[in-house]
Amino acid sequence: MRKAVQHLKQSDPVLRAIMQRVGTFKMNYDEPQFASLAEAIVYQQLHGKAAATIFKRLTDLAGEPLTPEGILKLSEAQLRGVGLSKQKLSYLRDLAAKTQSGELDFSRLPEMPDEEVIKHLTSVKGIGVWTAHMFLMFALRRPNVLPTGDYGIQAAIRKHYRKRKMPKPAQMEKIAKCWEPYRSVACWYLWRSLDVKTM
């Protein structure tokens, strides 16, 4: 990781200042498996605490770690009972069914290039590009992901790069060009910069 930190500090003075304020890089990773993706679906558009409560209720009922079988054995009423919306439970069931049938194969993902992983994951109902980007970064540990659809990254770029409006994907790509091949690391610092008190 020293190489990534060194590269980013040298290539972007704005990011260098953020990195100095934020401190040491410490990304928390997940395992690239079914349970991580199921958790990502539960967490979509929910406050962290609410999502954690629902996820805990779900694993209490379906078993931990979550498996496709654990999800598919539960009735709609049981899934609704843990606090899942109708939409989310349909996403989880689709993910479980596609994993069980082998249509979605987690063992193949580490070998696939980023674009193919995105294509593979977004074939599941309810998994969009943002969720696929998060899976690439936090489960598959890919170093060069730029989630242009992430509100936190947009807000951090707007704030630190003094943009009047939220940046569009093309603008973000342009700013992030010099971060390559470590855009994931740069994004971690941008997320953290919003939690750290700055001027």
Protein backbone atom coordinates (compact mmCIF):
# COMPACT_ATOMS: atom_id res chain seq x y z
CA MET A 1 0.00 0.00 0.00
CA ARG A 2 3.00 2.29 0.50
CA LYS A 3 3.41 2.44 -3.27
CA ALA A 4 -0.21 3.59 -3.73
CA VAL A 5 0.05 6.24 -1.02
CA GLN A 6 3.34 7.50 -2.46
CA HIS A 7 1.93 7.66 -5.99
CA LEU A 8 -1.21 9.56 -4.92
CA LYS A 9 0.70 12.08 -2.81
CA GLN A 10 3.04 12.82 -5.71
CA SER A 11 0.40 13.00 -8.43
CA ASP A 12 -2.27 15.21 -6.83
CA PRO A 13 -1.58 18.11 -4.41
CA VAL A 14 -5.27 18.38 -3.42
CA LEU A 15 -5.36 14.70 -2.50
CA ARG A 16 -2.00 14.98 -0.73
CA ALA A 17 -3.46 17.60 1.64
CA ILE A 18 -6.48 15.34 2.31
CA MET A 19 -4.20 12.36 2.98
CA GLN A 20 -2.13 14.32 5.46
CA ARG A 21 -5.27 15.28 7.39
CA VAL A 22 -6.87 11.82 7.28
CA GLY A 23 -3.79 9.80 8.22
CA THR A 24 -3.03 6.11 7.71
CA PHE A 25 -4.91 4.11 5.07
CA LYS A 26 -7.05 1.38 6.69
CA MET A 27 -9.72 -0.08 4.42
CA ASN A 28 -12.00 -2.76 5.91
CA TYR A 29 -12.46 -5.60 3.46
CA ASP A 30 -15.20 -8.24 3.07
CA GLU A 31 -14.95 -11.71 1.59
CA PRO A 32 -15.93 -12.04 -2.12
CA GLN A 33 -18.85 -14.34 -1.48
CA PHE A 34 -22.63 -14.58 -1.46
CA ALA A 35 -23.04 -13.23 2.11
CA SER A 36 -21.20 -9.98 1.30
CA LEU A 37 -23.38 -9.26 -1.72
CA ALA A 38 -26.56 -10.13 0.19
CA GLU A 39 -25.45 -7.70 2.90
CA ALA A 40 -24.82 -5.00 0.28
CA ILE A 41 -28.42 -5.42 -0.94
CA VAL A 42 -29.80 -5.10 2.61
CA TYR A 43 -27.74 -1.92 3.15
CA GLN A 44 -28.88 -0.19 -0.07
CA GLN A 45 -30.50 3.22 0.64
CA LEU A 46 -30.69 2.61 4.39
CA HIS A 47 -29.01 4.29 7.32
CA GLY A 48 -26.16 2.09 8.63
CA LYS A 49 -27.80 1.35 12.01
CA ALA A 50 -31.18 0.39 10.54
CA ALA A 51 -29.51 -1.82 7.93
CA ALA A 52 -27.35 -3.54 10.58
CA THR A 53 -30.45 -4.34 12.67
CA ILE A 54 -32.29 -5.82 9.68
CA PHE A 55 -29.23 -7.79 8.60
CA LYS A 56 -28.79 -9.24 12.10
CA ARG A 57 -32.45 -10.30 12.20
CA LEU A 58 -32.03 -11.90 8.79
CA THR A 59 -28.93 -13.90 9.78
CA ASP A 60 -30.61 -14.96 13.06
CA LEU A 61 -33.37 -16.47 10.95
CA ALA A 62 -31.48 -17.73 7.88
CA GLY A 63 -28.20 -18.68 9.55
CA GLU A 64 -24.73 -17.19 9.51
CA PRO A 65 -22.93 -16.90 7.17
CA LEU A 66 -25.88 -16.27 4.85
CA THR A 67 -26.27 -18.88 2.12
CA PRO A 68 -28.62 -19.08 -0.89
CA GLU A 69 -30.32 -22.07 0.80
CA GLY A 70 -30.80 -20.07 4.00
CA ILE A 71 -32.59 -17.29 2.09
CA LEU A 72 -34.68 -19.59 -0.12
CA LYS A 73 -36.04 -21.62 2.81
CA LEU A 74 -37.69 -18.49 4.27
CA SER A 75 -41.21 -17.47 3.34
CA GLU A 76 -42.09 -13.99 2.11
CA ALA A 77 -43.79 -13.32 5.46
CA GLN A 78 -40.62 -14.27 7.35
CA LEU A 79 -38.47 -12.03 5.16
CA ARG A 80 -40.93 -9.16 5.56
CA GLY A 81 -40.90 -9.83 9.30
CA VAL A 82 -37.20 -8.99 9.63
CA GLY A 83 -37.88 -5.57 8.09
CA LEU A 84 -37.12 -6.16 4.41
CA SER A 85 -39.19 -4.32 1.83
CA LYS A 86 -41.01 -6.36 -0.82
CA GLN A 87 -38.53 -5.07 -3.37
CA LYS A 88 -35.43 -6.04 -1.36
CA LEU A 89 -36.69 -9.50 -0.55
CA SER A 90 -37.27 -10.09 -4.27
CA TYR A 91 -33.65 -8.96 -4.90
CA LEU A 92 -32.30 -11.32 -2.24
CA ARG A 93 -34.33 -14.22 -3.61
CA ASP A 94 -33.11 -13.52 -7.15
CA LEU A 95 -29.50 -13.39 -5.90
CA ALA A 96 -29.99 -16.66 -3.99
CA ALA A 97 -31.66 -18.44 -6.94
CA LYS A 98 -29.01 -17.30 -9.43
CA THR A 99 -26.21 -18.34 -7.07
CA GLN A 100 -27.78 -21.72 -6.36
CA SER A 101 -28.28 -22.44 -10.08
CA GLY A 102 -24.65 -21.48 -10.83
CA GLU A 103 -25.69 -18.59 -13.07
CA LEU A 104 -23.84 -16.34 -10.65
CA ASP A 105 -20.54 -18.01 -9.80
CA PHE A 106 -18.58 -16.35 -6.99
CA SER A 107 -15.54 -18.61 -7.53
CA ARG A 108 -15.05 -17.12 -11.03
CA LEU A 109 -15.21 -13.45 -9.98
CA PRO A 110 -11.58 -13.07 -8.76
CA GLU A 111 -10.30 -14.02 -12.23
CA MET A 112 -12.63 -11.70 -14.14
CA PRO A 113 -11.68 -8.16 -15.24
CA ASP A 114 -13.61 -5.34 -13.53
CA GLU A 115 -15.98 -4.75 -16.45
CA GLU A 116 -16.96 -8.42 -16.59
CA VAL A 117 -17.57 -8.55 -12.84
CA ILE A 118 -19.91 -5.55 -13.19
CA LYS A 119 -21.77 -7.25 -16.04
CA HIS A 120 -22.01 -10.52 -14.11
CA LEU A 121 -23.28 -8.92 -10.88
CA THR A 122 -25.72 -6.49 -12.49
CA SER A 123 -27.55 -9.44 -14.09
CA VAL A 124 -29.08 -9.91 -10.61
CA LYS A 125 -32.26 -7.96 -9.92
CA GLY A 126 -31.56 -4.99 -7.66
CA ILE A 127 -27.80 -4.95 -8.17
CA GLY A 128 -26.75 -1.83 -10.00
CA VAL A 129 -23.36 -0.47 -10.97
CA TRP A 130 -22.86 1.21 -7.55
CA THR A 131 -23.26 -2.11 -5.67
CA ALA A 132 -20.96 -3.82 -8.19
CA HIS A 133 -18.37 -1.07 -7.66
CA MET A 134 -18.55 -1.52 -3.87
CA PHE A 135 -18.12 -5.29 -4.29
CA LEU A 136 -15.10 -4.74 -6.55
CA MET A 137 -13.50 -2.41 -4.01
CA PHE A 138 -14.35 -4.00 -0.68
CA ALA A 139 -14.70 -7.72 -1.49
CA LEU A 140 -12.50 -8.30 -4.54
CA ARG A 141 -10.03 -5.62 -3.34
CA ARG A 142 -9.57 -4.12 -6.79
CA PRO A 143 -7.23 -1.13 -6.55
CA ASN A 144 -8.44 1.03 -9.43
CA VAL A 145 -12.22 1.50 -9.06
CA LEU A 146 -13.88 4.90 -9.38
CA PRO A 147 -17.55 4.74 -8.30
CA THR A 148 -18.81 7.78 -10.19
CA GLY A 149 -22.35 7.14 -8.92
CA ASP A 150 -21.37 7.38 -5.26
CA TYR A 151 -22.77 10.43 -3.49
CA GLY A 152 -19.89 10.61 -0.98
CA ILE A 153 -17.25 10.65 -3.71
CA GLN A 154 -19.20 13.28 -5.66
CA ALA A 155 -19.58 15.45 -2.54
CA ALA A 156 -15.89 15.13 -1.62
CA ILE A 157 -14.76 16.04 -5.15
CA ARG A 158 -17.12 19.00 -5.20
CA LYS A 159 -15.82 20.23 -1.84
CA HIS A 160 -12.07 19.68 -2.27
CA TYR A 161 -11.78 20.45 -5.97
CA ARG A 162 -13.95 23.55 -5.58
CA LYS A 163 -16.72 22.66 -8.03
CA ARG A 164 -19.87 24.78 -8.01
CA LYS A 165 -22.10 21.79 -8.70
CA MET A 166 -21.93 18.06 -8.11
CA PRO A 167 -19.41 16.71 -10.63
CA LYS A 168 -20.58 14.59 -13.55
CA PRO A 169 -18.93 11.19 -14.23
CA ALA A 170 -16.79 12.59 -17.08
CA GLN A 171 -15.47 15.36 -14.80
CA MET A 172 -14.73 12.82 -12.06
CA GLU A 173 -12.86 10.58 -14.52
CA LYS A 174 -10.75 13.55 -15.60
CA ILE A 175 -9.82 14.51 -12.01
CA ALA A 176 -9.12 10.85 -11.16
CA LYS A 177 -6.89 10.21 -14.19
CA CYS A 178 -3.72 10.96 -12.22
CA TRP A 179 -4.80 8.61 -9.39
CA GLU A 180 -4.53 5.55 -11.63
CA PRO A 181 -3.85 2.68 -10.93
CA TYR A 182 -4.95 3.40 -7.33
CA ARG A 183 -8.33 5.11 -7.66
CA SER A 184 -9.90 2.87 -4.95
CA VAL A 185 -7.33 4.11 -2.42
CA ALA A 186 -7.98 7.73 -3.43
CA CYS A 187 -11.73 7.13 -2.96
CA TRP A 188 -11.18 5.77 0.55
CA TYR A 189 -9.38 9.01 1.43
CA LEU A 190 -12.19 11.08 -0.11
CA TRP A 191 -14.81 9.22 1.95
CA ARG A 192 -12.76 9.67 5.10
CA SER A 193 -12.24 13.35 4.34
CA LEU A 194 -15.96 13.92 4.84
CA ASP A 195 -15.71 12.45 8.38
CA VAL A 196 -12.61 14.40 9.31
CA LYS A 197 -12.96 17.97 10.51
CA THR A 198 -11.45 20.24 7.92
CA MET A 199 -11.21 24.02 7.65
